[in-house]
Amino acid sequence: MKLALIASVAAAILLLPLSSAPARTWHVPDEAPTIQAGIDSAAVGDTVLVACGTYYEHDISWTKSGISLFSQTRHPDCVTVDAQSLGRVFYCNTGMSSTARIEGFTITGGAVPGSDGGGMYWFQSDPWSWVTSCVFAGNDAHRGGGVAVQTCSPKFTNCVFADNTADYGGATYVNSGSPPIEFCTFSRNSSRSDGGGIYLDSVSNSSIHNCTFFANSAGPGEGGGLRVAGCWYPDLDRVIIAFSTQGKAVSWDGSGTLQIDHSCVFGNAGGDSLPGYHHDNLFEDPLFCDAWDGDFTLHYNSPCVPYNNEWEMLIGAHTVGCGFTPAADVTWGKIKAMYR
């Protein structure tokens, strides 16, 4: 009887599905010598954690779903990935899922003059992958010096795009995708044609909220800050576009519906007039603390801080960083002395 019971229990256990392996963390370079090796080793649910330092890698291919790639501190000053102009830095293809996340990297030295996405190229990935707290600096491409997005919609938050170059979309180029872009800064990017900061092209419906554009250039073309062409319903809200060195703030070809609201536009070399449907916008100096030296925080008196505009909204990617009147330390003894 006991043997029969044991046999039936054993048979039932064999019929149970095997449980998946627990998620693990792959440490680079301790367990995997390179970032590419870490990604290749990881499975769904795993994390690739990269120790602080500079990694000279290019054309890092990421085609797996459900993997997170973090720098050790999750801040971009921890890990720099430098492609040394030997190719793009990251290539993200089909298979990326909503759980895929990249956080805390400086991505530089990507160069693909005849192709797209010098720093990072997203192609047909699953929606809502997430890139956060990354810096894209000094990359070059035909389209999208910092990032190019094709037929997908990864989300970008708290990222910096600086000194990237391209023929179209100095910092970012989007084609047939709707990536949300929030709390990002676009500084001194340039296109050799159109879209110094961002180029939205062909059925791209990005929502660009709380972003700061400063001193971008469109070369001889259109849109020092942004160029919008062939899109359906792109939406700009709470955005600063200021001091473009060539090209007007926003250029639009008139297709679809472009909506621009609660934004601040000022000092753009090609003009500050806004196309599309827009209302409740400011045409005043945003009063950066020291934008020419890379400080995009706002002066206490800036019209872009919530208590200085009628909508009570923060405009741009940064909060107040200067202009406060400091309060002096006062002891009780000093207070009593004031009344003697």
Protein backbone atom coordinates (compact mmCIF):
# COMPACT_ATOMS: atom_id res chain seq x y z
CA MET A 1 0.00 0.00 0.00
CA LYS A 2 2.77 2.38 0.98
CA LEU A 3 4.69 1.55 -2.20
CA ALA A 4 1.62 2.29 -4.32
CA LEU A 5 1.13 5.65 -2.57
CA ILE A 6 4.77 6.61 -3.07
CA ALA A 7 4.56 5.64 -6.72
CA SER A 8 1.45 7.76 -7.30
CA VAL A 9 3.02 10.79 -5.59
CA ALA A 10 6.18 10.40 -7.64
CA ALA A 11 4.13 10.21 -10.83
CA ALA A 12 2.22 13.38 -9.88
CA ILE A 13 5.47 15.27 -9.25
CA LEU A 14 6.77 14.24 -12.66
CA LEU A 15 3.65 15.70 -14.24
CA LEU A 16 4.20 19.14 -12.62
CA PRO A 17 5.70 21.79 -14.91
CA LEU A 18 9.29 22.60 -14.23
CA SER A 19 9.66 25.99 -12.52
CA SER A 20 11.71 28.62 -14.29
CA ALA A 21 15.16 29.42 -13.00
CA PRO A 22 15.26 32.33 -10.57
CA ALA A 23 16.39 35.68 -11.93
CA ARG A 24 20.03 36.46 -11.36
CA THR A 25 22.44 39.37 -11.68
CA TRP A 26 25.40 39.18 -14.05
CA HIS A 27 28.29 41.37 -12.92
CA VAL A 28 30.48 43.05 -15.53
CA PRO A 29 33.43 42.63 -15.64
CA ASP A 30 33.68 40.13 -12.74
CA GLU A 31 31.42 37.42 -14.21
CA ALA A 32 31.23 38.62 -17.82
CA PRO A 33 34.23 40.46 -19.28
CA THR A 34 32.22 42.87 -21.45
CA ILE A 35 28.75 44.41 -21.58
CA GLN A 36 28.03 42.33 -24.68
CA ALA A 37 29.05 39.17 -22.84
CA GLY A 38 26.76 40.09 -19.96
CA ILE A 39 23.79 40.56 -22.26
CA ASP A 40 24.57 37.30 -24.08
CA SER A 41 24.70 35.42 -20.75
CA ALA A 42 21.46 36.85 -19.35
CA ALA A 43 18.00 35.33 -19.61
CA VAL A 44 14.52 36.79 -19.21
CA GLY A 45 14.22 38.53 -15.85
CA ASP A 46 17.98 38.83 -15.34
CA THR A 47 19.93 42.01 -14.63
CA VAL A 48 23.29 42.95 -16.11
CA LEU A 49 25.07 45.17 -13.59
CA VAL A 50 28.10 47.05 -14.89
CA ALA A 51 30.85 48.26 -12.55
CA CYS A 52 31.90 51.89 -12.84
CA GLY A 53 34.53 52.61 -15.48
CA THR A 54 34.97 53.14 -19.21
CA TYR A 55 34.19 50.30 -21.62
CA TYR A 56 35.44 50.47 -25.20
CA GLU A 57 32.76 48.55 -27.04
CA HIS A 58 30.76 49.13 -30.20
CA ASP A 59 27.77 47.57 -31.95
CA ILE A 60 26.55 46.03 -28.72
CA SER A 61 23.63 43.88 -29.84
CA TRP A 62 20.59 43.47 -27.63
CA THR A 63 17.93 41.18 -29.09
CA LYS A 64 16.65 39.51 -25.93
CA SER A 65 13.45 40.24 -24.07
CA GLY A 66 13.06 41.15 -20.43
CA ILE A 67 16.63 42.03 -19.43
CA SER A 68 17.67 45.08 -17.39
CA LEU A 69 21.01 46.78 -17.95
CA PHE A 70 22.15 49.00 -15.07
CA SER A 71 25.33 50.80 -14.18
CA GLN A 72 26.50 50.14 -10.64
CA THR A 73 25.19 53.45 -9.30
CA ARG A 74 22.49 53.96 -11.94
CA HIS A 75 24.00 57.39 -12.64
CA PRO A 76 25.55 58.22 -16.03
CA ASP A 77 28.84 59.38 -14.52
CA CYS A 78 29.47 55.81 -13.34
CA VAL A 79 29.83 53.99 -16.68
CA THR A 80 30.95 55.36 -20.03
CA VAL A 81 30.59 53.21 -23.13
CA ASP A 82 32.84 54.60 -25.87
CA ALA A 83 32.59 53.20 -29.40
CA GLN A 84 35.69 55.17 -30.50
CA SER A 85 34.01 55.93 -33.87
CA LEU A 86 34.18 52.24 -34.84
CA GLY A 87 30.39 51.86 -35.17
CA ARG A 88 27.27 52.62 -33.16
CA VAL A 89 27.23 51.92 -29.45
CA PHE A 90 23.96 49.95 -28.94
CA TYR A 91 21.71 48.14 -31.40
CA CYS A 92 18.32 47.14 -29.95
CA ASN A 93 16.32 44.88 -32.24
CA THR A 94 13.17 42.73 -32.07
CA GLY A 95 12.46 40.92 -28.85
CA MET A 96 12.78 43.81 -26.40
CA SER A 97 9.85 43.73 -23.98
CA SER A 98 8.12 46.16 -21.68
CA THR A 99 10.39 44.99 -18.86
CA ALA A 100 13.59 45.92 -20.72
CA ARG A 101 15.36 48.82 -19.02
CA ILE A 102 18.66 50.65 -19.55
CA GLU A 103 19.74 53.02 -16.79
CA GLY A 104 22.78 55.04 -15.84
CA PHE A 105 25.19 55.16 -18.81
CA THR A 106 27.13 57.74 -20.78
CA ILE A 107 27.02 56.66 -24.41
CA THR A 108 29.60 58.30 -26.64
CA GLY A 109 31.83 57.89 -29.67
CA GLY A 110 29.22 56.19 -31.84
CA ALA A 111 29.70 56.88 -35.55
CA VAL A 112 27.61 55.47 -38.42
CA PRO A 113 27.74 58.17 -41.14
CA GLY A 114 25.70 56.17 -43.65
CA SER A 115 23.21 54.70 -41.17
CA ASP A 116 20.98 55.59 -38.22
CA GLY A 117 21.47 55.91 -34.48
CA GLY A 118 25.08 56.68 -33.63
CA GLY A 119 24.60 56.16 -29.91
CA MET A 120 21.62 53.81 -29.93
CA TYR A 121 19.38 52.38 -32.65
CA TRP A 122 15.97 50.92 -31.76
CA PHE A 123 14.39 48.86 -34.51
CA GLN A 124 10.99 47.14 -34.23
CA SER A 125 11.29 46.45 -30.52
CA ASP A 126 8.24 45.74 -28.39
CA PRO A 127 6.56 48.85 -26.94
CA TRP A 128 7.45 50.66 -23.74
CA SER A 129 11.00 49.58 -23.23
CA TRP A 130 12.63 52.20 -21.00
CA VAL A 131 15.85 54.23 -21.20
CA THR A 132 16.46 56.46 -18.20
CA SER A 133 19.26 58.54 -16.67
CA CYS A 134 21.54 58.18 -19.67
CA VAL A 135 23.77 60.71 -21.43
CA PHE A 136 24.19 60.59 -25.21
CA ALA A 137 27.15 62.78 -26.12
CA GLY A 138 29.41 63.16 -29.12
CA ASN A 139 27.77 60.62 -31.43
CA ASP A 140 27.22 60.95 -35.19
CA ALA A 141 24.95 59.32 -37.78
CA HIS A 142 23.04 59.93 -40.98
CA ARG A 143 19.81 60.12 -38.96
CA GLY A 144 19.67 60.43 -35.18
CA GLY A 145 23.16 61.23 -33.95
CA GLY A 146 22.34 60.24 -30.39
CA VAL A 147 19.35 57.93 -30.92
CA ALA A 148 17.29 56.67 -33.84
CA VAL A 149 13.93 54.95 -33.32
CA GLN A 150 12.31 52.96 -36.12
CA THR A 151 8.83 51.41 -35.85
CA CYS A 152 8.77 51.17 -32.05
CA SER A 153 8.20 53.29 -28.95
CA PRO A 154 10.81 53.04 -26.20
CA LYS A 155 10.40 55.60 -23.43
CA PHE A 156 13.17 58.09 -22.64
CA THR A 157 13.22 59.85 -19.27
CA ASN A 158 15.80 62.02 -17.49
CA CYS A 159 18.29 61.70 -20.34
CA VAL A 160 20.75 64.25 -21.70
CA PHE A 161 21.55 64.62 -25.40
CA ALA A 162 24.59 66.86 -25.94
CA ASP A 163 26.89 67.64 -28.86
CA ASN A 164 25.53 64.93 -31.15
CA THR A 165 25.46 65.44 -34.92
CA ALA A 166 23.55 64.00 -37.88
CA ASP A 167 22.19 64.87 -41.29
CA TYR A 168 18.66 64.66 -39.85
CA GLY A 169 17.87 64.86 -36.15
CA GLY A 170 21.10 65.89 -34.48
CA ALA A 171 20.11 64.29 -31.18
CA THR A 172 17.13 62.07 -32.02
CA TYR A 173 15.38 60.81 -35.13
CA VAL A 174 12.03 58.99 -34.99
CA ASN A 175 10.34 57.23 -37.89
CA SER A 176 7.01 55.40 -37.53
CA GLY A 177 7.16 55.32 -33.75
CA SER A 178 5.72 57.14 -30.76
CA PRO A 179 8.37 57.16 -28.04
CA PRO A 180 7.41 59.24 -24.99
CA ILE A 181 10.24 61.67 -24.19
CA GLU A 182 10.07 63.23 -20.73
CA PHE A 183 12.39 65.34 -18.56
CA CYS A 184 15.18 65.19 -21.12
CA THR A 185 17.69 67.89 -22.05
CA PHE A 186 18.86 68.58 -25.61
CA SER A 187 21.91 70.82 -25.70
CA ARG A 188 24.12 71.96 -28.58
CA ASN A 189 23.15 69.18 -30.94
CA SER A 190 23.30 69.96 -34.64
CA SER A 191 21.94 68.62 -37.89
CA ARG A 192 23.54 69.15 -41.22
CA SER A 193 20.04 69.54 -42.62
CA ASP A 194 16.84 69.49 -40.51
CA GLY A 195 16.00 69.06 -36.84
CA GLY A 196 18.86 70.16 -34.64
CA GLY A 197 17.36 68.56 -31.55
CA ILE A 198 14.67 66.11 -32.72
CA TYR A 199 13.35 65.08 -36.11
CA LEU A 200 9.92 63.43 -36.06
CA ASP A 201 9.28 61.79 -39.40
CA SER A 202 6.57 59.73 -41.04
CA VAL A 203 3.71 58.67 -38.76
CA SER A 204 5.58 59.53 -35.57
CA ASN A 205 3.33 60.64 -32.72
CA SER A 206 5.70 61.25 -29.86
CA SER A 207 4.65 63.03 -26.71
CA ILE A 208 7.47 65.36 -25.65
CA HIS A 209 6.85 66.67 -22.14
CA ASN A 210 8.97 68.67 -19.69
CA CYS A 211 12.02 68.79 -21.92
CA THR A 212 14.62 71.53 -22.34
CA PHE A 213 16.14 72.44 -25.72
CA PHE A 214 19.11 74.79 -25.67
CA ALA A 215 21.45 76.09 -28.40
CA ASN A 216 20.68 73.39 -30.95
CA SER A 217 21.28 74.06 -34.64
CA ALA A 218 19.53 73.00 -37.84
CA GLY A 219 22.32 73.96 -40.21
CA PRO A 220 20.81 75.33 -43.41
CA GLY A 221 17.56 73.43 -42.90
CA GLU A 222 14.47 73.61 -40.72
CA GLY A 223 13.85 73.46 -37.00
CA GLY A 224 16.69 74.37 -34.69
CA GLY A 225 14.85 72.68 -31.83
CA LEU A 226 12.47 70.33 -33.61
CA ARG A 227 11.47 69.38 -37.12
CA VAL A 228 8.08 67.67 -37.57
CA ALA A 229 7.27 66.11 -40.95
CA GLY A 230 4.66 63.58 -42.08
CA CYS A 231 3.37 62.97 -38.54
CA TRP A 232 -0.14 62.46 -37.20
CA TYR A 233 -0.57 63.73 -33.65
CA PRO A 234 2.74 64.77 -32.05
CA ASP A 235 2.29 66.60 -28.75
CA LEU A 236 4.64 69.08 -27.05
CA ASP A 237 3.78 70.23 -23.55
CA ARG A 238 5.77 72.10 -20.85
CA VAL A 239 8.82 72.35 -23.12
CA ILE A 240 11.54 75.04 -23.24
CA ILE A 241 13.06 75.76 -26.66
CA ALA A 242 15.63 78.51 -26.36
CA PHE A 243 18.64 80.05 -28.06
CA SER A 244 18.81 77.78 -31.12
CA THR A 245 21.89 79.00 -32.94
CA GLN A 246 20.47 78.28 -36.40
CA GLY A 247 16.88 77.58 -37.41
CA LYS A 248 13.61 78.57 -35.80
CA ALA A 249 12.32 76.90 -32.68
CA VAL A 250 9.93 74.42 -34.36
CA SER A 251 9.45 73.60 -38.03
CA TRP A 252 6.35 71.72 -39.26
CA ASP A 253 5.33 70.60 -42.74
CA GLY A 254 1.62 71.00 -41.99
CA SER A 255 0.58 67.34 -42.04
CA GLY A 256 -1.38 65.79 -39.20
CA THR A 257 -2.07 67.75 -36.03
CA LEU A 258 0.79 69.34 -34.08
CA GLN A 259 -0.14 70.48 -30.57
CA ILE A 260 2.13 72.78 -28.53
CA ASP A 261 0.97 73.98 -25.11
CA HIS A 262 2.33 75.44 -21.86
CA SER A 263 5.77 75.90 -23.37
CA CYS A 264 8.44 78.61 -23.31
CA VAL A 265 10.09 79.70 -26.57
CA PHE A 266 12.77 82.38 -26.63
CA GLY A 267 15.84 83.66 -28.45
CA ASN A 268 15.95 81.21 -31.35
CA ALA A 269 18.02 82.48 -34.25
CA GLY A 270 15.41 81.62 -36.88
CA GLY A 271 12.44 82.94 -34.89
CA ASP A 272 10.14 81.98 -32.04
CA SER A 273 6.77 81.74 -33.83
CA LEU A 274 5.05 78.41 -33.29
CA PRO A 275 3.30 76.34 -35.98
CA GLY A 276 0.35 74.02 -35.52
CA TYR A 277 -2.28 74.28 -32.80
CA HIS A 278 -0.99 76.07 -29.73
CA HIS A 279 -2.17 78.14 -26.81
CA ASP A 280 -0.98 79.14 -23.33
CA ASN A 281 2.67 79.54 -24.28
CA LEU A 282 5.36 81.94 -23.07
CA PHE A 283 7.77 83.95 -25.19
CA GLU A 284 10.07 85.08 -22.40
CA ASP A 285 13.63 84.39 -21.30
CA PRO A 286 13.47 81.16 -19.26
CA LEU A 287 16.28 82.48 -17.03
CA PHE A 288 18.57 79.49 -16.86
CA CYS A 289 21.09 79.64 -14.05
CA ASP A 290 24.08 79.15 -16.39
CA ALA A 291 23.08 77.24 -19.51
CA TRP A 292 26.24 78.15 -21.43
CA ASP A 293 28.19 76.32 -18.76
CA GLY A 294 25.79 73.36 -18.68
CA ASP A 295 23.54 74.42 -15.79
CA PHE A 296 19.95 74.26 -17.00
CA THR A 297 18.31 74.77 -13.62
CA LEU A 298 16.09 77.83 -13.39
CA HIS A 299 16.43 81.13 -11.59
CA TYR A 300 13.99 81.70 -8.76
CA ASN A 301 12.28 84.40 -10.87
CA SER A 302 11.97 82.26 -14.02
CA PRO A 303 8.53 82.26 -15.68
CA CYS A 304 8.97 78.50 -16.09
CA VAL A 305 8.66 77.64 -12.39
CA PRO A 306 5.15 76.85 -11.15
CA TYR A 307 4.67 79.87 -8.85
CA ASN A 308 5.57 82.31 -11.66
CA ASN A 309 3.09 81.22 -14.33
CA GLU A 310 -0.69 81.15 -14.33
CA TRP A 311 -0.87 77.40 -14.99
CA GLU A 312 1.21 76.57 -11.89
CA MET A 313 3.29 74.17 -13.98
CA LEU A 314 7.00 73.39 -14.21
CA ILE A 315 8.14 74.07 -17.77
CA GLY A 316 11.26 72.28 -18.95
CA ALA A 317 13.28 69.46 -17.44
CA HIS A 318 14.81 71.25 -14.46
CA THR A 319 13.68 72.97 -11.28
CA VAL A 320 14.95 76.07 -9.44
CA GLY A 321 18.70 76.13 -8.85
CA CYS A 322 19.68 79.74 -8.17
CA GLY A 323 18.43 83.19 -7.21
CA PHE A 324 17.31 82.38 -3.70
CA THR A 325 17.77 84.97 -0.97
CA PRO A 326 19.58 83.00 1.74
CA ALA A 327 18.29 83.25 5.27
CA ALA A 328 20.94 84.23 7.81
CA ASP A 329 21.40 82.12 10.91
CA VAL A 330 19.97 84.04 13.85
CA THR A 331 20.42 83.02 17.47
CA TRP A 332 17.99 83.84 20.25
CA GLY A 333 20.65 86.14 21.72
CA LYS A 334 20.81 88.14 18.49
CA ILE A 335 17.02 88.45 18.41
CA LYS A 336 16.95 89.86 21.98
CA ALA A 337 19.75 92.26 21.12
CA MET A 338 17.63 93.76 18.33
CA TYR A 339 15.19 95.08 20.96
CA ARG A 340 17.69 96.64 23.38
